[in-house]
Amino acid sequence: MTLLGRLLNNRRAGETGTAWNMPNLQGPELLTLTSKHFSNGEGMPLEHCAKHIGGDDLSPHLAWTPPPPGTAQLLLIVEDIDVPMAKPAVHCVVLIDPASGHLGPGALSAREPAIGVRLLRSTIGRGYHGPAPIKGHGPHHYIFQLFALSTPVDRIPGSTPVDRARPRVLLPAITAPVLDRGRLTGVFER
């Protein structure tokens, strides 16, 4: 696997295709998103990584400053911008009740999500899927992006419920104005 990682070393999705850069998800950047488990731009502990590489697939603690008045829902998206594909890999998509000011460790578990958390489909499945970069590919950046939406996301145009929509269909279809947003980047390398 290390050889494969080295061969793909110059191939990375990049940040251009992230939710953060979508025209419909633009807005002020005043939310501060933090974690007790890692600082912005710093390494993520192994416990937050995928089980098949020795982690626990435990979603990290996340906290944020209060969203602005009129926030109906929070949208959290976690993307790996260093995956050797055309677009970033979406590791998690979640709708959160804005009354909660944080998520404890494991709150994004597919089996037992925290109260006020609605897990949607990601590239990998529902719930949190921790880092598992290709061995030898170099550092991967996992961007946790939080958006304060003015109206709840219940349906996308057509008849597809949000629970069934794939991220690349759901995210561009969000029309609720973004009142505020913030992000936090964790790094992991094998």
C-alpha atoms as a PDB file:
ATOM      1  CA  MET A   1       0.000   0.000   0.000  1.00  0.00           C
ATOM      2  CA  THR A   2       2.860   2.417   0.631  1.00  0.00           C
ATOM      3  CA  LEU A   3       3.897   2.168  -3.031  1.00  0.00           C
ATOM      4  CA  LEU A   4       0.355   3.017  -4.158  1.00  0.00           C
ATOM      5  CA  GLY A   5       0.348   6.053  -1.865  1.00  0.00           C
ATOM      6  CA  ARG A   6       3.636   7.277  -3.305  1.00  0.00           C
ATOM      7  CA  LEU A   7       2.410   6.729  -6.877  1.00  0.00           C
ATOM      8  CA  LEU A   8      -0.706   8.798  -6.165  1.00  0.00           C
ATOM      9  CA  ASN A   9       1.124  11.423  -4.109  1.00  0.00           C
ATOM     10  CA  ASN A  10       0.622  14.224  -6.630  1.00  0.00           C
ATOM     11  CA  ARG A  11      -3.031  13.398  -7.155  1.00  0.00           C
ATOM     12  CA  ARG A  12      -5.378  15.194  -4.736  1.00  0.00           C
ATOM     13  CA  ALA A  13      -8.937  16.514  -4.978  1.00  0.00           C
ATOM     14  CA  GLY A  14      -8.090  19.926  -3.549  1.00  0.00           C
ATOM     15  CA  GLU A  15     -10.300  22.448  -1.828  1.00  0.00           C
ATOM     16  CA  THR A  16     -12.046  23.846  -4.902  1.00  0.00           C
ATOM     17  CA  GLY A  17     -14.808  21.213  -4.886  1.00  0.00           C
ATOM     18  CA  THR A  18     -15.640  21.451  -1.172  1.00  0.00           C
ATOM     19  CA  ALA A  19     -19.014  22.510   0.199  1.00  0.00           C
ATOM     20  CA  TRP A  20     -17.242  25.617   1.530  1.00  0.00           C
ATOM     21  CA  ASN A  21     -16.706  26.859  -2.012  1.00  0.00           C
ATOM     22  CA  MET A  22     -20.214  26.176  -3.352  1.00  0.00           C
ATOM     23  CA  PRO A  23     -21.983  29.417  -4.381  1.00  0.00           C
ATOM     24  CA  ASN A  24     -25.179  28.508  -2.492  1.00  0.00           C
ATOM     25  CA  LEU A  25     -23.304  27.925   0.784  1.00  0.00           C
ATOM     26  CA  GLN A  26     -21.506  31.272   0.902  1.00  0.00           C
ATOM     27  CA  GLY A  27     -22.041  33.552   3.893  1.00  0.00           C
ATOM     28  CA  PRO A  28     -20.308  35.404   6.717  1.00  0.00           C
ATOM     29  CA  GLU A  29     -17.504  33.491   8.443  1.00  0.00           C
ATOM     30  CA  LEU A  30     -18.112  34.366  12.075  1.00  0.00           C
ATOM     31  CA  LEU A  31     -18.813  30.933  13.603  1.00  0.00           C
ATOM     32  CA  THR A  32     -15.831  29.564  15.484  1.00  0.00           C
ATOM     33  CA  LEU A  33     -15.672  25.764  15.356  1.00  0.00           C
ATOM     34  CA  THR A  34     -13.349  23.989  17.814  1.00  0.00           C
ATOM     35  CA  SER A  35     -12.590  20.541  19.218  1.00  0.00           C
ATOM     36  CA  LYS A  36     -11.120  19.345  22.507  1.00  0.00           C
ATOM     37  CA  HIS A  37      -9.311  16.626  20.554  1.00  0.00           C
ATOM     38  CA  PHE A  38      -7.309  18.674  18.026  1.00  0.00           C
ATOM     39  CA  SER A  39      -6.622  22.274  17.066  1.00  0.00           C
ATOM     40  CA  ASN A  40      -7.120  23.784  13.637  1.00  0.00           C
ATOM     41  CA  GLY A  41      -4.488  22.448  11.232  1.00  0.00           C
ATOM     42  CA  GLU A  42      -3.185  19.923  13.772  1.00  0.00           C
ATOM     43  CA  GLY A  43      -3.127  16.118  13.834  1.00  0.00           C
ATOM     44  CA  MET A  44      -6.236  14.113  14.697  1.00  0.00           C
ATOM     45  CA  PRO A  45      -5.842  11.362  17.328  1.00  0.00           C
ATOM     46  CA  LEU A  46      -6.050   7.756  16.099  1.00  0.00           C
ATOM     47  CA  GLU A  47      -9.291   7.118  18.049  1.00  0.00           C
ATOM     48  CA  HIS A  48     -11.106   9.372  15.551  1.00  0.00           C
ATOM     49  CA  CYS A  49      -9.843   7.363  12.568  1.00  0.00           C
ATOM     50  CA  ALA A  50     -11.440   4.392  10.820  1.00  0.00           C
ATOM     51  CA  LYS A  51     -11.478   1.016  12.565  1.00  0.00           C
ATOM     52  CA  HIS A  52      -9.681  -0.801   9.760  1.00  0.00           C
ATOM     53  CA  ILE A  53      -6.550   1.299  10.375  1.00  0.00           C
ATOM     54  CA  GLY A  54      -6.649   0.842  14.170  1.00  0.00           C
ATOM     55  CA  GLY A  55      -8.976   3.694  15.181  1.00  0.00           C
ATOM     56  CA  ASP A  56     -12.381   3.646  16.881  1.00  0.00           C
ATOM     57  CA  ASP A  57     -14.320   5.644  14.259  1.00  0.00           C
ATOM     58  CA  LEU A  58     -15.304   7.924  17.133  1.00  0.00           C
ATOM     59  CA  SER A  59     -16.486  11.346  15.988  1.00  0.00           C
ATOM     60  CA  PRO A  60     -14.557  14.069  17.826  1.00  0.00           C
ATOM     61  CA  HIS A  61     -15.977  16.600  20.251  1.00  0.00           C
ATOM     62  CA  LEU A  62     -17.058  19.714  18.361  1.00  0.00           C
ATOM     63  CA  ALA A  63     -18.163  23.044  19.810  1.00  0.00           C
ATOM     64  CA  TRP A  64     -19.104  26.323  18.184  1.00  0.00           C
ATOM     65  CA  THR A  65     -19.917  29.878  19.061  1.00  0.00           C
ATOM     66  CA  PRO A  66     -23.645  30.702  19.161  1.00  0.00           C
ATOM     67  CA  PRO A  67     -25.209  30.876  15.700  1.00  0.00           C
ATOM     68  CA  PRO A  68     -26.967  34.128  14.738  1.00  0.00           C
ATOM     69  CA  PRO A  69     -30.633  34.746  15.567  1.00  0.00           C
ATOM     70  CA  GLY A  70     -32.926  33.200  12.974  1.00  0.00           C
ATOM     71  CA  THR A  71     -30.852  30.048  12.558  1.00  0.00           C
ATOM     72  CA  ALA A  72     -33.285  27.211  11.860  1.00  0.00           C
ATOM     73  CA  GLN A  73     -30.747  24.419  11.408  1.00  0.00           C
ATOM     74  CA  LEU A  74     -27.018  23.754  11.370  1.00  0.00           C
ATOM     75  CA  LEU A  75     -25.443  21.761   8.562  1.00  0.00           C
ATOM     76  CA  LEU A  76     -22.150  19.965   9.262  1.00  0.00           C
ATOM     77  CA  ILE A  77     -20.097  18.515   6.411  1.00  0.00           C
ATOM     78  CA  VAL A  78     -16.764  16.717   6.811  1.00  0.00           C
ATOM     79  CA  GLU A  79     -14.620  16.361   3.677  1.00  0.00           C
ATOM     80  CA  ASP A  80     -11.181  14.908   2.873  1.00  0.00           C
ATOM     81  CA  ILE A  81      -9.599  17.281   0.357  1.00  0.00           C
ATOM     82  CA  ASP A  82      -6.533  15.120  -0.231  1.00  0.00           C
ATOM     83  CA  VAL A  83      -8.238  11.985  -1.525  1.00  0.00           C
ATOM     84  CA  PRO A  84      -6.801  11.035  -4.967  1.00  0.00           C
ATOM     85  CA  MET A  85     -10.081  11.654  -6.787  1.00  0.00           C
ATOM     86  CA  ALA A  86     -11.622  14.469  -8.822  1.00  0.00           C
ATOM     87  CA  LYS A  87     -13.653  15.790  -5.856  1.00  0.00           C
ATOM     88  CA  PRO A  88     -13.187  15.668  -2.076  1.00  0.00           C
ATOM     89  CA  ALA A  89     -14.576  12.607  -0.277  1.00  0.00           C
ATOM     90  CA  VAL A  90     -17.559  13.493   1.909  1.00  0.00           C
ATOM     91  CA  HIS A  91     -17.046  11.673   5.227  1.00  0.00           C
ATOM     92  CA  CYS A  92     -20.129  12.973   7.028  1.00  0.00           C
ATOM     93  CA  VAL A  93     -23.245  15.096   6.418  1.00  0.00           C
ATOM     94  CA  VAL A  94     -25.378  16.049   9.407  1.00  0.00           C
ATOM     95  CA  LEU A  95     -28.251  18.364  10.261  1.00  0.00           C
ATOM     96  CA  ILE A  96     -28.078  19.663  13.839  1.00  0.00           C
ATOM     97  CA  ASP A  97     -30.600  21.402  16.078  1.00  0.00           C
ATOM     98  CA  PRO A  98     -29.165  24.929  16.583  1.00  0.00           C
ATOM     99  CA  ALA A  99     -30.091  24.815  20.301  1.00  0.00           C
ATOM    100  CA  SER A 100     -27.183  22.441  20.943  1.00  0.00           C
ATOM    101  CA  GLY A 101     -23.891  24.285  21.321  1.00  0.00           C
ATOM    102  CA  HIS A 102     -21.671  21.261  20.957  1.00  0.00           C
ATOM    103  CA  LEU A 103     -21.433  17.592  20.060  1.00  0.00           C
ATOM    104  CA  GLY A 104     -19.756  15.184  22.441  1.00  0.00           C
ATOM    105  CA  PRO A 105     -17.399  12.415  21.307  1.00  0.00           C
ATOM    106  CA  GLY A 106     -19.338   9.782  19.363  1.00  0.00           C
ATOM    107  CA  ALA A 107     -22.375  12.054  18.800  1.00  0.00           C
ATOM    108  CA  LEU A 108     -22.301  11.310  15.051  1.00  0.00           C
ATOM    109  CA  SER A 109     -22.463   7.535  15.437  1.00  0.00           C
ATOM    110  CA  ALA A 110     -24.713   5.867  12.854  1.00  0.00           C
ATOM    111  CA  ARG A 111     -25.964   3.451  15.524  1.00  0.00           C
ATOM    112  CA  GLU A 112     -26.682   5.994  18.234  1.00  0.00           C
ATOM    113  CA  PRO A 113     -26.603   9.630  17.125  1.00  0.00           C
ATOM    114  CA  ALA A 114     -26.973  12.323  19.774  1.00  0.00           C
ATOM    115  CA  ILE A 115     -30.314  14.015  20.388  1.00  0.00           C
ATOM    116  CA  GLY A 116     -30.851  16.806  17.859  1.00  0.00           C
ATOM    117  CA  VAL A 117     -28.608  15.140  15.250  1.00  0.00           C
ATOM    118  CA  ARG A 118     -30.005  13.949  11.904  1.00  0.00           C
ATOM    119  CA  LEU A 119     -27.513  11.888   9.923  1.00  0.00           C
ATOM    120  CA  LEU A 120     -27.661  12.127   6.140  1.00  0.00           C
ATOM    121  CA  ARG A 121     -25.852  10.164   3.448  1.00  0.00           C
ATOM    122  CA  SER A 122     -22.178  10.777   2.788  1.00  0.00           C
ATOM    123  CA  THR A 123     -19.890   9.321   0.145  1.00  0.00           C
ATOM    124  CA  ILE A 124     -19.215   6.405   2.503  1.00  0.00           C
ATOM    125  CA  GLY A 125     -22.566   5.941   4.300  1.00  0.00           C
ATOM    126  CA  ARG A 126     -24.461   7.460   7.226  1.00  0.00           C
ATOM    127  CA  GLY A 127     -22.793   8.780  10.325  1.00  0.00           C
ATOM    128  CA  TYR A 128     -19.197   9.662  11.002  1.00  0.00           C
ATOM    129  CA  HIS A 129     -16.498   7.864   9.026  1.00  0.00           C
ATOM    130  CA  GLY A 130     -13.042   8.692  10.316  1.00  0.00           C
ATOM    131  CA  PRO A 131      -9.834   9.249   8.397  1.00  0.00           C
ATOM    132  CA  ALA A 132      -8.292   6.275   6.576  1.00  0.00           C
ATOM    133  CA  PRO A 133      -5.925   7.739   3.982  1.00  0.00           C
ATOM    134  CA  ILE A 134      -3.867   5.534   1.700  1.00  0.00           C
ATOM    135  CA  LYS A 135      -0.634   4.552   3.421  1.00  0.00           C
ATOM    136  CA  GLY A 136       2.266   6.621   2.120  1.00  0.00           C
ATOM    137  CA  HIS A 137       0.023   9.199   0.399  1.00  0.00           C
ATOM    138  CA  GLY A 138       1.078  11.960   2.770  1.00  0.00           C
ATOM    139  CA  PRO A 139      -1.010  14.139   5.076  1.00  0.00           C
ATOM    140  CA  HIS A 140      -4.760  14.329   4.480  1.00  0.00           C
ATOM    141  CA  HIS A 141      -6.766  17.370   5.572  1.00  0.00           C
ATOM    142  CA  TYR A 142     -10.268  16.746   6.940  1.00  0.00           C
ATOM    143  CA  ILE A 143     -12.342  19.919   6.849  1.00  0.00           C
ATOM    144  CA  PHE A 144     -15.231  20.134   9.318  1.00  0.00           C
ATOM    145  CA  GLN A 145     -17.568  22.805   7.864  1.00  0.00           C
ATOM    146  CA  LEU A 146     -20.521  24.173   9.845  1.00  0.00           C
ATOM    147  CA  PHE A 147     -23.248  26.266   8.204  1.00  0.00           C
ATOM    148  CA  ALA A 148     -26.047  28.161  10.020  1.00  0.00           C
ATOM    149  CA  LEU A 149     -29.099  27.931   7.732  1.00  0.00           C
ATOM    150  CA  SER A 150     -32.085  30.294   7.906  1.00  0.00           C
ATOM    151  CA  THR A 151     -34.616  27.599   6.969  1.00  0.00           C
ATOM    152  CA  PRO A 152     -34.603  23.847   7.614  1.00  0.00           C
ATOM    153  CA  VAL A 153     -33.536  21.454   4.892  1.00  0.00           C
ATOM    154  CA  ASP A 154     -36.368  18.949   4.436  1.00  0.00           C
ATOM    155  CA  ARG A 155     -36.533  18.244   0.699  1.00  0.00           C
ATOM    156  CA  ILE A 156     -34.515  18.907  -2.371  1.00  0.00           C
ATOM    157  CA  PRO A 157     -36.171  19.947  -5.632  1.00  0.00           C
ATOM    158  CA  GLY A 158     -38.183  17.049  -6.983  1.00  0.00           C
ATOM    159  CA  SER A 159     -39.420  14.415  -4.598  1.00  0.00           C
ATOM    160  CA  THR A 160     -36.199  13.141  -3.014  1.00  0.00           C
ATOM    161  CA  PRO A 161     -36.189  13.384   0.790  1.00  0.00           C
ATOM    162  CA  VAL A 162     -32.923  14.754   2.184  1.00  0.00           C
ATOM    163  CA  ASP A 163     -32.333  11.459   4.004  1.00  0.00           C
ATOM    164  CA  ARG A 164     -31.954   9.628   0.686  1.00  0.00           C
ATOM    165  CA  ALA A 165     -30.077  12.216  -1.376  1.00  0.00           C
ATOM    166  CA  ARG A 166     -26.391  11.749  -2.124  1.00  0.00           C
ATOM    167  CA  PRO A 167     -24.164  14.675  -1.041  1.00  0.00           C
ATOM    168  CA  ARG A 168     -23.358  15.793  -4.591  1.00  0.00           C
ATOM    169  CA  VAL A 169     -27.130  16.103  -5.254  1.00  0.00           C
ATOM    170  CA  LEU A 170     -28.151  17.458  -1.839  1.00  0.00           C
ATOM    171  CA  LEU A 171     -25.530  20.158  -1.270  1.00  0.00           C
ATOM    172  CA  PRO A 172     -26.036  22.152  -4.505  1.00  0.00           C
ATOM    173  CA  ALA A 173     -29.820  21.961  -3.966  1.00  0.00           C
ATOM    174  CA  ILE A 174     -29.754  23.765  -0.593  1.00  0.00           C
ATOM    175  CA  THR A 175     -31.423  27.126  -1.095  1.00  0.00           C
ATOM    176  CA  ALA A 176     -31.674  28.298   2.528  1.00  0.00           C
ATOM    177  CA  PRO A 177     -29.544  31.402   2.956  1.00  0.00           C
ATOM    178  CA  VAL A 178     -26.400  30.808   5.027  1.00  0.00           C
ATOM    179  CA  LEU A 179     -26.482  33.198   7.985  1.00  0.00           C
ATOM    180  CA  ASP A 180     -23.024  32.276   9.228  1.00  0.00           C
ATOM    181  CA  ARG A 181     -20.377  29.591   8.825  1.00  0.00           C
ATOM    182  CA  GLY A 182     -17.152  28.288  10.339  1.00  0.00           C
ATOM    183  CA  ARG A 183     -14.629  25.531   9.788  1.00  0.00           C
ATOM    184  CA  LEU A 184     -12.005  23.425  11.508  1.00  0.00           C
ATOM    185  CA  THR A 185      -9.324  21.327   9.806  1.00  0.00           C
ATOM    186  CA  GLY A 186      -7.836  18.144  11.233  1.00  0.00           C
ATOM    187  CA  VAL A 187      -4.867  16.345   9.678  1.00  0.00           C
ATOM    188  CA  PHE A 188      -4.008  12.646   9.570  1.00  0.00           C
ATOM    189  CA  GLU A 189      -1.276  10.707   7.786  1.00  0.00           C
ATOM    190  CA  ARG A 190      -0.333   7.016   7.579  1.00  0.00           C
END
